[in-house]
ModelCIF file with pLDDT and N, C-alpha, C, O atoms, coordinates in Angstrom:
data_MODEL
#
_entry.id   MODEL 
#
_entity.id                         1 
_entity.type                       polymer 
_entity.pdbx_number_of_molecules   1 
#
_entity_poly.entity_id                      1 
_entity_poly.type                           'polypeptide(L)' 
_entity_poly.nstd_linkage                   no 
_entity_poly.nstd_monomer                   no 
_entity_poly.pdbx_seq_one_letter_code       LILTIPSTSVSNERSFSCLKRIKTCSRNSISQVRLSSLSILSIE 
_entity_poly.pdbx_seq_one_letter_code_can   LILTIPSTSVSNERSFSCLKRIKTCSRNSISQVRLSSLSILSIE 
_entity_poly.pdbx_strand_id                 A 
#
loop_
_entity_poly_seq.entity_id 
_entity_poly_seq.num 
_entity_poly_seq.mon_id 
_entity_poly_seq.hetero 
1 1  LEU n 
1 2  ILE n 
1 3  LEU n 
1 4  THR n 
1 5  ILE n 
1 6  PRO n 
1 7  SER n 
1 8  THR n 
1 9  SER n 
1 10 VAL n 
1 11 SER n 
1 12 ASN n 
1 13 GLU n 
1 14 ARG n 
1 15 SER n 
1 16 PHE n 
1 17 SER n 
1 18 CYS n 
1 19 LEU n 
1 20 LYS n 
1 21 ARG n 
1 22 ILE n 
1 23 LYS n 
1 24 THR n 
1 25 CYS n 
1 26 SER n 
1 27 ARG n 
1 28 ASN n 
1 29 SER n 
1 30 ILE n 
1 31 SER n 
1 32 GLN n 
1 33 VAL n 
1 34 ARG n 
1 35 LEU n 
1 36 SER n 
1 37 SER n 
1 38 LEU n 
1 39 SER n 
1 40 ILE n 
1 41 LEU n 
1 42 SER n 
1 43 ILE n 
1 44 GLU n 
#
_struct_asym.id          A 
_struct_asym.entity_id   1 
#
loop_
_ma_qa_metric.id 
_ma_qa_metric.mode 
_ma_qa_metric.name 
_ma_qa_metric.software_group_id 
_ma_qa_metric.type 
1 global pLDDT . pLDDT 
2 local  pLDDT . pLDDT 
#
_ma_qa_metric_global.metric_id      1 
_ma_qa_metric_global.metric_value   52.75 
_ma_qa_metric_global.model_id       1 
_ma_qa_metric_global.ordinal_id     1 
#
loop_
_ma_qa_metric_local.label_asym_id 
_ma_qa_metric_local.label_comp_id 
_ma_qa_metric_local.label_seq_id 
_ma_qa_metric_local.metric_id 
_ma_qa_metric_local.metric_value 
_ma_qa_metric_local.model_id 
_ma_qa_metric_local.ordinal_id 
A LEU 1  2 89.00 1 1  
A ILE 2  2 86.00 1 2  
A LEU 3  2 84.00 1 3  
A THR 4  2 84.00 1 4  
A ILE 5  2 82.00 1 5  
A PRO 6  2 70.00 1 6  
A SER 7  2 65.00 1 7  
A THR 8  2 60.00 1 8  
A SER 9  2 53.00 1 9  
A VAL 10 2 45.00 1 10 
A SER 11 2 39.00 1 11 
A ASN 12 2 39.00 1 12 
A GLU 13 2 44.00 1 13 
A ARG 14 2 43.00 1 14 
A SER 15 2 40.00 1 15 
A PHE 16 2 46.00 1 16 
A SER 17 2 58.00 1 17 
A CYS 18 2 61.00 1 18 
A LEU 19 2 61.00 1 19 
A LYS 20 2 60.00 1 20 
A ARG 21 2 54.00 1 21 
A ILE 22 2 58.00 1 22 
A LYS 23 2 56.00 1 23 
A THR 24 2 48.00 1 24 
A CYS 25 2 47.00 1 25 
A SER 26 2 48.00 1 26 
A ARG 27 2 45.00 1 27 
A ASN 28 2 36.00 1 28 
A SER 29 2 34.00 1 29 
A ILE 30 2 37.00 1 30 
A SER 31 2 37.00 1 31 
A GLN 32 2 37.00 1 32 
A VAL 33 2 38.00 1 33 
A ARG 34 2 41.00 1 34 
A LEU 35 2 41.00 1 35 
A SER 36 2 41.00 1 36 
A SER 37 2 53.00 1 37 
A LEU 38 2 53.00 1 38 
A SER 39 2 46.00 1 39 
A ILE 40 2 51.00 1 40 
A LEU 41 2 59.00 1 41 
A SER 42 2 53.00 1 42 
A ILE 43 2 46.00 1 43 
A GLU 44 2 53.00 1 44 
#
loop_
_atom_site.group_PDB 
_atom_site.id 
_atom_site.type_symbol 
_atom_site.label_atom_id 
_atom_site.label_alt_id 
_atom_site.label_comp_id 
_atom_site.label_asym_id 
_atom_site.label_entity_id 
_atom_site.label_seq_id 
_atom_site.pdbx_PDB_ins_code 
_atom_site.Cartn_x 
_atom_site.Cartn_y 
_atom_site.Cartn_z 
_atom_site.occupancy 
_atom_site.B_iso_or_equiv 
_atom_site.pdbx_formal_charge 
_atom_site.auth_seq_id 
_atom_site.auth_comp_id 
_atom_site.auth_asym_id 
_atom_site.auth_atom_id 
_atom_site.pdbx_PDB_model_num 
ATOM 1   N N  . LEU A 1 1  ? 6.370  -11.504 -0.778  1.00 89.00 ? 1  LEU A N  1 
ATOM 2   C CA . LEU A 1 1  ? 6.128  -10.997 -2.176  1.00 89.00 ? 1  LEU A CA 1 
ATOM 3   C C  . LEU A 1 1  ? 6.536  -9.784  -2.359  1.00 89.00 ? 1  LEU A C  1 
ATOM 4   O O  . LEU A 1 1  ? 7.280  -9.530  -3.306  1.00 89.00 ? 1  LEU A O  1 
ATOM 5   N N  . ILE A 1 2  ? 6.083  -8.724  -1.400  1.00 86.00 ? 2  ILE A N  1 
ATOM 6   C CA . ILE A 1 2  ? 6.371  -7.194  -1.604  1.00 86.00 ? 2  ILE A CA 1 
ATOM 7   C C  . ILE A 1 2  ? 8.434  -7.309  -1.871  1.00 86.00 ? 2  ILE A C  1 
ATOM 8   O O  . ILE A 1 2  ? 9.261  -6.883  -2.677  1.00 86.00 ? 2  ILE A O  1 
ATOM 9   N N  . LEU A 1 3  ? 8.414  -8.111  -0.680  1.00 84.00 ? 3  LEU A N  1 
ATOM 10  C CA . LEU A 1 3  ? 10.141 -7.950  -0.780  1.00 84.00 ? 3  LEU A CA 1 
ATOM 11  C C  . LEU A 1 3  ? 10.774 -8.533  -1.693  1.00 84.00 ? 3  LEU A C  1 
ATOM 12  O O  . LEU A 1 3  ? 11.961 -8.219  -1.779  1.00 84.00 ? 3  LEU A O  1 
ATOM 13  N N  . THR A 1 4  ? 10.340 -9.374  -2.501  1.00 84.00 ? 4  THR A N  1 
ATOM 14  C CA . THR A 1 4  ? 10.829 -9.952  -3.656  1.00 84.00 ? 4  THR A CA 1 
ATOM 15  C C  . THR A 1 4  ? 10.990 -9.365  -4.659  1.00 84.00 ? 4  THR A C  1 
ATOM 16  O O  . THR A 1 4  ? 12.016 -9.445  -5.335  1.00 84.00 ? 4  THR A O  1 
ATOM 17  N N  . ILE A 1 5  ? 9.607  -8.396  -5.040  1.00 82.00 ? 5  ILE A N  1 
ATOM 18  C CA . ILE A 1 5  ? 9.834  -7.629  -6.327  1.00 82.00 ? 5  ILE A CA 1 
ATOM 19  C C  . ILE A 1 5  ? 10.586 -6.044  -6.165  1.00 82.00 ? 5  ILE A C  1 
ATOM 20  O O  . ILE A 1 5  ? 10.283 -5.089  -5.449  1.00 82.00 ? 5  ILE A O  1 
ATOM 21  N N  . PRO A 1 6  ? 11.351 -6.179  -6.855  1.00 70.00 ? 6  PRO A N  1 
ATOM 22  C CA . PRO A 1 6  ? 12.491 -5.165  -6.861  1.00 70.00 ? 6  PRO A CA 1 
ATOM 23  C C  . PRO A 1 6  ? 12.156 -3.768  -6.750  1.00 70.00 ? 6  PRO A C  1 
ATOM 24  O O  . PRO A 1 6  ? 12.853 -2.867  -6.284  1.00 70.00 ? 6  PRO A O  1 
ATOM 25  N N  . SER A 1 7  ? 10.807 -3.695  -7.317  1.00 65.00 ? 7  SER A N  1 
ATOM 26  C CA . SER A 1 7  ? 10.390 -2.105  -6.921  1.00 65.00 ? 7  SER A CA 1 
ATOM 27  C C  . SER A 1 7  ? 10.395 -1.601  -5.819  1.00 65.00 ? 7  SER A C  1 
ATOM 28  O O  . SER A 1 7  ? 9.901  -0.477  -5.729  1.00 65.00 ? 7  SER A O  1 
ATOM 29  N N  . THR A 1 8  ? 10.933 -2.228  -4.638  1.00 60.00 ? 8  THR A N  1 
ATOM 30  C CA . THR A 1 8  ? 11.000 -2.087  -3.111  1.00 60.00 ? 8  THR A CA 1 
ATOM 31  C C  . THR A 1 8  ? 12.326 -2.256  -2.762  1.00 60.00 ? 8  THR A C  1 
ATOM 32  O O  . THR A 1 8  ? 12.908 -3.169  -3.349  1.00 60.00 ? 8  THR A O  1 
ATOM 33  N N  . SER A 1 9  ? 13.050 -1.510  -1.830  1.00 53.00 ? 9  SER A N  1 
ATOM 34  C CA . SER A 1 9  ? 14.107 -1.235  -1.194  1.00 53.00 ? 9  SER A CA 1 
ATOM 35  C C  . SER A 1 9  ? 14.403 -1.569  -0.082  1.00 53.00 ? 9  SER A C  1 
ATOM 36  O O  . SER A 1 9  ? 13.548 -1.307  0.765   1.00 53.00 ? 9  SER A O  1 
ATOM 37  N N  . VAL A 1 10 ? 15.543 -2.189  0.353   1.00 45.00 ? 10 VAL A N  1 
ATOM 38  C CA . VAL A 1 10 ? 15.692 -2.609  1.420   1.00 45.00 ? 10 VAL A CA 1 
ATOM 39  C C  . VAL A 1 10 ? 17.024 -1.482  2.203   1.00 45.00 ? 10 VAL A C  1 
ATOM 40  O O  . VAL A 1 10 ? 17.587 -0.742  1.396   1.00 45.00 ? 10 VAL A O  1 
ATOM 41  N N  . SER A 1 11 ? 17.423 -1.392  3.507   1.00 39.00 ? 11 SER A N  1 
ATOM 42  C CA . SER A 1 11 ? 18.028 -0.263  3.768   1.00 39.00 ? 11 SER A CA 1 
ATOM 43  C C  . SER A 1 11 ? 19.526 -0.364  3.481   1.00 39.00 ? 11 SER A C  1 
ATOM 44  O O  . SER A 1 11 ? 20.245 0.636   3.469   1.00 39.00 ? 11 SER A O  1 
ATOM 45  N N  . ASN A 1 12 ? 19.936 -1.488  3.271   1.00 39.00 ? 12 ASN A N  1 
ATOM 46  C CA . ASN A 1 12 ? 21.458 -1.403  2.258   1.00 39.00 ? 12 ASN A CA 1 
ATOM 47  C C  . ASN A 1 12 ? 21.361 -1.879  0.840   1.00 39.00 ? 12 ASN A C  1 
ATOM 48  O O  . ASN A 1 12 ? 22.208 -2.639  0.370   1.00 39.00 ? 12 ASN A O  1 
ATOM 49  N N  . GLU A 1 13 ? 20.211 -1.383  0.070   1.00 44.00 ? 13 GLU A N  1 
ATOM 50  C CA . GLU A 1 13 ? 20.146 -1.760  -1.134  1.00 44.00 ? 13 GLU A CA 1 
ATOM 51  C C  . GLU A 1 13 ? 21.259 -1.741  -2.134  1.00 44.00 ? 13 GLU A C  1 
ATOM 52  O O  . GLU A 1 13 ? 21.591 -2.749  -2.758  1.00 44.00 ? 13 GLU A O  1 
ATOM 53  N N  . ARG A 1 14 ? 21.832 -0.560  -2.272  1.00 43.00 ? 14 ARG A N  1 
ATOM 54  C CA . ARG A 1 14 ? 22.952 -0.159  -3.009  1.00 43.00 ? 14 ARG A CA 1 
ATOM 55  C C  . ARG A 1 14 ? 24.067 -0.900  -2.790  1.00 43.00 ? 14 ARG A C  1 
ATOM 56  O O  . ARG A 1 14 ? 24.741 -1.193  -3.778  1.00 43.00 ? 14 ARG A O  1 
ATOM 57  N N  . SER A 1 15 ? 24.501 -1.364  -1.446  1.00 40.00 ? 15 SER A N  1 
ATOM 58  C CA . SER A 1 15 ? 25.372 -2.722  -1.275  1.00 40.00 ? 15 SER A CA 1 
ATOM 59  C C  . SER A 1 15 ? 25.028 -3.765  -1.560  1.00 40.00 ? 15 SER A C  1 
ATOM 60  O O  . SER A 1 15 ? 25.804 -4.600  -2.025  1.00 40.00 ? 15 SER A O  1 
ATOM 61  N N  . PHE A 1 16 ? 23.647 -4.004  -1.332  1.00 46.00 ? 16 PHE A N  1 
ATOM 62  C CA . PHE A 1 16 ? 23.442 -5.244  -1.574  1.00 46.00 ? 16 PHE A CA 1 
ATOM 63  C C  . PHE A 1 16 ? 23.215 -5.763  -2.865  1.00 46.00 ? 16 PHE A C  1 
ATOM 64  O O  . PHE A 1 16 ? 23.312 -6.945  -3.193  1.00 46.00 ? 16 PHE A O  1 
ATOM 65  N N  . SER A 1 17 ? 22.844 -4.605  -3.723  1.00 58.00 ? 17 SER A N  1 
ATOM 66  C CA . SER A 1 17 ? 22.495 -5.364  -4.848  1.00 58.00 ? 17 SER A CA 1 
ATOM 67  C C  . SER A 1 17 ? 23.449 -6.153  -5.725  1.00 58.00 ? 17 SER A C  1 
ATOM 68  O O  . SER A 1 17 ? 24.609 -5.761  -5.845  1.00 58.00 ? 17 SER A O  1 
ATOM 69  N N  . CYS A 1 18 ? 23.030 -7.222  -6.332  1.00 61.00 ? 18 CYS A N  1 
ATOM 70  C CA . CYS A 1 18 ? 24.032 -7.786  -7.218  1.00 61.00 ? 18 CYS A CA 1 
ATOM 71  C C  . CYS A 1 18 ? 24.035 -7.383  -8.371  1.00 61.00 ? 18 CYS A C  1 
ATOM 72  O O  . CYS A 1 18 ? 24.773 -8.076  -9.071  1.00 61.00 ? 18 CYS A O  1 
ATOM 73  N N  . LEU A 1 19 ? 23.417 -6.358  -9.048  1.00 61.00 ? 19 LEU A N  1 
ATOM 74  C CA . LEU A 1 19 ? 23.969 -5.917  -10.199 1.00 61.00 ? 19 LEU A CA 1 
ATOM 75  C C  . LEU A 1 19 ? 25.348 -4.897  -10.066 1.00 61.00 ? 19 LEU A C  1 
ATOM 76  O O  . LEU A 1 19 ? 26.151 -4.605  -10.952 1.00 61.00 ? 19 LEU A O  1 
ATOM 77  N N  . LYS A 1 20 ? 25.321 -4.478  -8.676  1.00 60.00 ? 20 LYS A N  1 
ATOM 78  C CA . LYS A 1 20 ? 26.567 -3.735  -8.835  1.00 60.00 ? 20 LYS A CA 1 
ATOM 79  C C  . LYS A 1 20 ? 27.958 -4.420  -8.421  1.00 60.00 ? 20 LYS A C  1 
ATOM 80  O O  . LYS A 1 20 ? 29.075 -3.942  -8.624  1.00 60.00 ? 20 LYS A O  1 
ATOM 81  N N  . ARG A 1 21 ? 27.660 -5.628  -7.803  1.00 54.00 ? 21 ARG A N  1 
ATOM 82  C CA . ARG A 1 21 ? 28.895 -6.601  -7.705  1.00 54.00 ? 21 ARG A CA 1 
ATOM 83  C C  . ARG A 1 21 ? 29.426 -6.927  -9.110  1.00 54.00 ? 21 ARG A C  1 
ATOM 84  O O  . ARG A 1 21 ? 30.634 -7.008  -9.335  1.00 54.00 ? 21 ARG A O  1 
ATOM 85  N N  . ILE A 1 22 ? 28.313 -7.145  -10.215 1.00 58.00 ? 22 ILE A N  1 
ATOM 86  C CA . ILE A 1 22 ? 28.410 -7.792  -11.330 1.00 58.00 ? 22 ILE A CA 1 
ATOM 87  C C  . ILE A 1 22 ? 29.130 -6.923  -12.066 1.00 58.00 ? 22 ILE A C  1 
ATOM 88  O O  . ILE A 1 22 ? 30.102 -7.371  -12.674 1.00 58.00 ? 22 ILE A O  1 
ATOM 89  N N  . LYS A 1 23 ? 28.750 -5.273  -12.178 1.00 56.00 ? 23 LYS A N  1 
ATOM 90  C CA . LYS A 1 23 ? 29.287 -4.320  -12.809 1.00 56.00 ? 23 LYS A CA 1 
ATOM 91  C C  . LYS A 1 23 ? 30.684 -4.033  -12.257 1.00 56.00 ? 23 LYS A C  1 
ATOM 92  O O  . LYS A 1 23 ? 31.434 -3.465  -13.051 1.00 56.00 ? 23 LYS A O  1 
ATOM 93  N N  . THR A 1 24 ? 31.134 -4.294  -11.147 1.00 48.00 ? 24 THR A N  1 
ATOM 94  C CA . THR A 1 24 ? 32.329 -4.015  -10.509 1.00 48.00 ? 24 THR A CA 1 
ATOM 95  C C  . THR A 1 24 ? 33.251 -5.414  -11.553 1.00 48.00 ? 24 THR A C  1 
ATOM 96  O O  . THR A 1 24 ? 34.298 -5.178  -12.157 1.00 48.00 ? 24 THR A O  1 
ATOM 97  N N  . CYS A 1 25 ? 32.782 -6.350  -11.548 1.00 47.00 ? 25 CYS A N  1 
ATOM 98  C CA . CYS A 1 25 ? 33.540 -7.651  -12.141 1.00 47.00 ? 25 CYS A CA 1 
ATOM 99  C C  . CYS A 1 25 ? 33.905 -7.590  -13.299 1.00 47.00 ? 25 CYS A C  1 
ATOM 100 O O  . CYS A 1 25 ? 34.924 -8.018  -13.841 1.00 47.00 ? 25 CYS A O  1 
ATOM 101 N N  . SER A 1 26 ? 32.580 -6.742  -13.896 1.00 48.00 ? 26 SER A N  1 
ATOM 102 C CA . SER A 1 26 ? 32.732 -6.814  -15.767 1.00 48.00 ? 26 SER A CA 1 
ATOM 103 C C  . SER A 1 26 ? 33.653 -5.560  -16.259 1.00 48.00 ? 26 SER A C  1 
ATOM 104 O O  . SER A 1 26 ? 34.107 -5.462  -17.399 1.00 48.00 ? 26 SER A O  1 
ATOM 105 N N  . ARG A 1 27 ? 33.831 -4.713  -15.314 1.00 45.00 ? 27 ARG A N  1 
ATOM 106 C CA . ARG A 1 27 ? 34.735 -3.849  -15.632 1.00 45.00 ? 27 ARG A CA 1 
ATOM 107 C C  . ARG A 1 27 ? 36.484 -4.328  -15.857 1.00 45.00 ? 27 ARG A C  1 
ATOM 108 O O  . ARG A 1 27 ? 37.327 -3.437  -15.952 1.00 45.00 ? 27 ARG A O  1 
ATOM 109 N N  . ASN A 1 28 ? 36.832 -5.607  -15.915 1.00 36.00 ? 28 ASN A N  1 
ATOM 110 C CA . ASN A 1 28 ? 38.211 -5.558  -16.178 1.00 36.00 ? 28 ASN A CA 1 
ATOM 111 C C  . ASN A 1 28 ? 38.345 -5.541  -17.533 1.00 36.00 ? 28 ASN A C  1 
ATOM 112 O O  . ASN A 1 28 ? 37.600 -6.266  -18.191 1.00 36.00 ? 28 ASN A O  1 
ATOM 113 N N  . SER A 1 29 ? 39.131 -4.871  -18.065 1.00 34.00 ? 29 SER A N  1 
ATOM 114 C CA . SER A 1 29 ? 39.666 -4.806  -19.086 1.00 34.00 ? 29 SER A CA 1 
ATOM 115 C C  . SER A 1 29 ? 41.204 -4.611  -19.374 1.00 34.00 ? 29 SER A C  1 
ATOM 116 O O  . SER A 1 29 ? 41.951 -4.507  -18.401 1.00 34.00 ? 29 SER A O  1 
ATOM 117 N N  . ILE A 1 30 ? 41.767 -4.551  -20.749 1.00 37.00 ? 30 ILE A N  1 
ATOM 118 C CA . ILE A 1 30 ? 43.209 -4.425  -21.002 1.00 37.00 ? 30 ILE A CA 1 
ATOM 119 C C  . ILE A 1 30 ? 43.610 -2.633  -21.068 1.00 37.00 ? 30 ILE A C  1 
ATOM 120 O O  . ILE A 1 30 ? 43.737 -2.062  -22.152 1.00 37.00 ? 30 ILE A O  1 
ATOM 121 N N  . SER A 1 31 ? 43.740 -2.054  -19.990 1.00 37.00 ? 31 SER A N  1 
ATOM 122 C CA . SER A 1 31 ? 43.906 -0.709  -19.771 1.00 37.00 ? 31 SER A CA 1 
ATOM 123 C C  . SER A 1 31 ? 45.171 -0.485  -19.837 1.00 37.00 ? 31 SER A C  1 
ATOM 124 O O  . SER A 1 31 ? 45.956 -1.418  -19.669 1.00 37.00 ? 31 SER A O  1 
ATOM 125 N N  . GLN A 1 32 ? 45.663 0.948   -20.125 1.00 37.00 ? 32 GLN A N  1 
ATOM 126 C CA . GLN A 1 32 ? 46.793 1.559   -19.599 1.00 37.00 ? 32 GLN A CA 1 
ATOM 127 C C  . GLN A 1 32 ? 47.408 1.218   -18.173 1.00 37.00 ? 32 GLN A C  1 
ATOM 128 O O  . GLN A 1 32 ? 48.603 1.006   -17.967 1.00 37.00 ? 32 GLN A O  1 
ATOM 129 N N  . VAL A 1 33 ? 46.252 1.198   -17.087 1.00 38.00 ? 33 VAL A N  1 
ATOM 130 C CA . VAL A 1 33 ? 46.642 0.947   -15.953 1.00 38.00 ? 33 VAL A CA 1 
ATOM 131 C C  . VAL A 1 33 ? 47.262 -0.796  -15.737 1.00 38.00 ? 33 VAL A C  1 
ATOM 132 O O  . VAL A 1 33 ? 48.350 -1.102  -15.249 1.00 38.00 ? 33 VAL A O  1 
ATOM 133 N N  . ARG A 1 34 ? 46.400 -1.566  -16.164 1.00 41.00 ? 34 ARG A N  1 
ATOM 134 C CA . ARG A 1 34 ? 47.341 -2.830  -16.747 1.00 41.00 ? 34 ARG A CA 1 
ATOM 135 C C  . ARG A 1 34 ? 48.384 -2.950  -17.050 1.00 41.00 ? 34 ARG A C  1 
ATOM 136 O O  . ARG A 1 34 ? 49.157 -3.565  -16.315 1.00 41.00 ? 34 ARG A O  1 
ATOM 137 N N  . LEU A 1 35 ? 48.830 -2.367  -18.334 1.00 41.00 ? 35 LEU A N  1 
ATOM 138 C CA . LEU A 1 35 ? 50.028 -2.192  -18.748 1.00 41.00 ? 35 LEU A CA 1 
ATOM 139 C C  . LEU A 1 35 ? 51.007 -1.598  -17.809 1.00 41.00 ? 35 LEU A C  1 
ATOM 140 O O  . LEU A 1 35 ? 52.055 -2.150  -17.475 1.00 41.00 ? 35 LEU A O  1 
ATOM 141 N N  . SER A 1 36 ? 50.597 -0.435  -17.405 1.00 41.00 ? 36 SER A N  1 
ATOM 142 C CA . SER A 1 36 ? 51.656 0.033   -16.486 1.00 41.00 ? 36 SER A CA 1 
ATOM 143 C C  . SER A 1 36 ? 52.476 -0.706  -15.313 1.00 41.00 ? 36 SER A C  1 
ATOM 144 O O  . SER A 1 36 ? 53.644 -0.701  -14.924 1.00 41.00 ? 36 SER A O  1 
ATOM 145 N N  . SER A 1 37 ? 51.090 -1.441  -14.888 1.00 53.00 ? 37 SER A N  1 
ATOM 146 C CA . SER A 1 37 ? 51.489 -2.584  -13.555 1.00 53.00 ? 37 SER A CA 1 
ATOM 147 C C  . SER A 1 37 ? 52.318 -3.700  -14.105 1.00 53.00 ? 37 SER A C  1 
ATOM 148 O O  . SER A 1 37 ? 52.888 -4.451  -13.314 1.00 53.00 ? 37 SER A O  1 
ATOM 149 N N  . LEU A 1 38 ? 52.445 -3.889  -15.534 1.00 53.00 ? 38 LEU A N  1 
ATOM 150 C CA . LEU A 1 38 ? 52.578 -5.131  -15.690 1.00 53.00 ? 38 LEU A CA 1 
ATOM 151 C C  . LEU A 1 38 ? 54.462 -4.696  -16.065 1.00 53.00 ? 38 LEU A C  1 
ATOM 152 O O  . LEU A 1 38 ? 55.462 -5.390  -15.884 1.00 53.00 ? 38 LEU A O  1 
ATOM 153 N N  . SER A 1 39 ? 54.339 -3.395  -16.587 1.00 46.00 ? 39 SER A N  1 
ATOM 154 C CA . SER A 1 39 ? 55.452 -2.668  -16.678 1.00 46.00 ? 39 SER A CA 1 
ATOM 155 C C  . SER A 1 39 ? 56.533 -2.856  -15.364 1.00 46.00 ? 39 SER A C  1 
ATOM 156 O O  . SER A 1 39 ? 57.700 -3.239  -15.444 1.00 46.00 ? 39 SER A O  1 
ATOM 157 N N  . ILE A 1 40 ? 55.931 -2.545  -14.373 1.00 51.00 ? 40 ILE A N  1 
ATOM 158 C CA . ILE A 1 40 ? 56.671 -2.388  -12.998 1.00 51.00 ? 40 ILE A CA 1 
ATOM 159 C C  . ILE A 1 40 ? 57.196 -3.784  -12.560 1.00 51.00 ? 40 ILE A C  1 
ATOM 160 O O  . ILE A 1 40 ? 58.297 -4.083  -12.098 1.00 51.00 ? 40 ILE A O  1 
ATOM 161 N N  . LEU A 1 41 ? 56.095 -4.568  -12.834 1.00 59.00 ? 41 LEU A N  1 
ATOM 162 C CA . LEU A 1 41 ? 56.725 -6.365  -12.600 1.00 59.00 ? 41 LEU A CA 1 
ATOM 163 C C  . LEU A 1 41 ? 57.990 -6.236  -13.407 1.00 59.00 ? 41 LEU A C  1 
ATOM 164 O O  . LEU A 1 41 ? 58.987 -6.275  -12.687 1.00 59.00 ? 41 LEU A O  1 
ATOM 165 N N  . SER A 1 42 ? 58.226 -6.102  -14.610 1.00 53.00 ? 42 SER A N  1 
ATOM 166 C CA . SER A 1 42 ? 59.430 -5.735  -15.451 1.00 53.00 ? 42 SER A CA 1 
ATOM 167 C C  . SER A 1 42 ? 60.354 -5.445  -14.891 1.00 53.00 ? 42 SER A C  1 
ATOM 168 O O  . SER A 1 42 ? 61.157 -6.359  -14.700 1.00 53.00 ? 42 SER A O  1 
ATOM 169 N N  . ILE A 1 43 ? 60.656 -4.254  -14.429 1.00 46.00 ? 43 ILE A N  1 
ATOM 170 C CA . ILE A 1 43 ? 61.482 -3.188  -14.295 1.00 46.00 ? 43 ILE A CA 1 
ATOM 171 C C  . ILE A 1 43 ? 62.026 -3.518  -12.564 1.00 46.00 ? 43 ILE A C  1 
ATOM 172 O O  . ILE A 1 43 ? 63.197 -3.253  -12.291 1.00 46.00 ? 43 ILE A O  1 
ATOM 173 N N  . GLU A 1 44 ? 61.205 -4.035  -11.586 1.00 53.00 ? 44 GLU A N  1 
ATOM 174 C CA . GLU A 1 44 ? 61.356 -4.281  -10.672 1.00 53.00 ? 44 GLU A CA 1 
ATOM 175 C C  . GLU A 1 44 ? 61.589 -5.549  -10.043 1.00 53.00 ? 44 GLU A C  1 
ATOM 176 O O  . GLU A 1 44 ? 61.759 -5.611  -8.825  1.00 53.00 ? 44 GLU A O  1 
#
């Protein structure tokens, strides 16, 4: 019960957290970096 409640932490909580993985995934967006990468694909 205590381990399940998120008010406690395990030794690798930051890397373990599913929230971190979701936020990493949800940051995908059309940015200048992506447009630059597409330009490189076309030019090269």
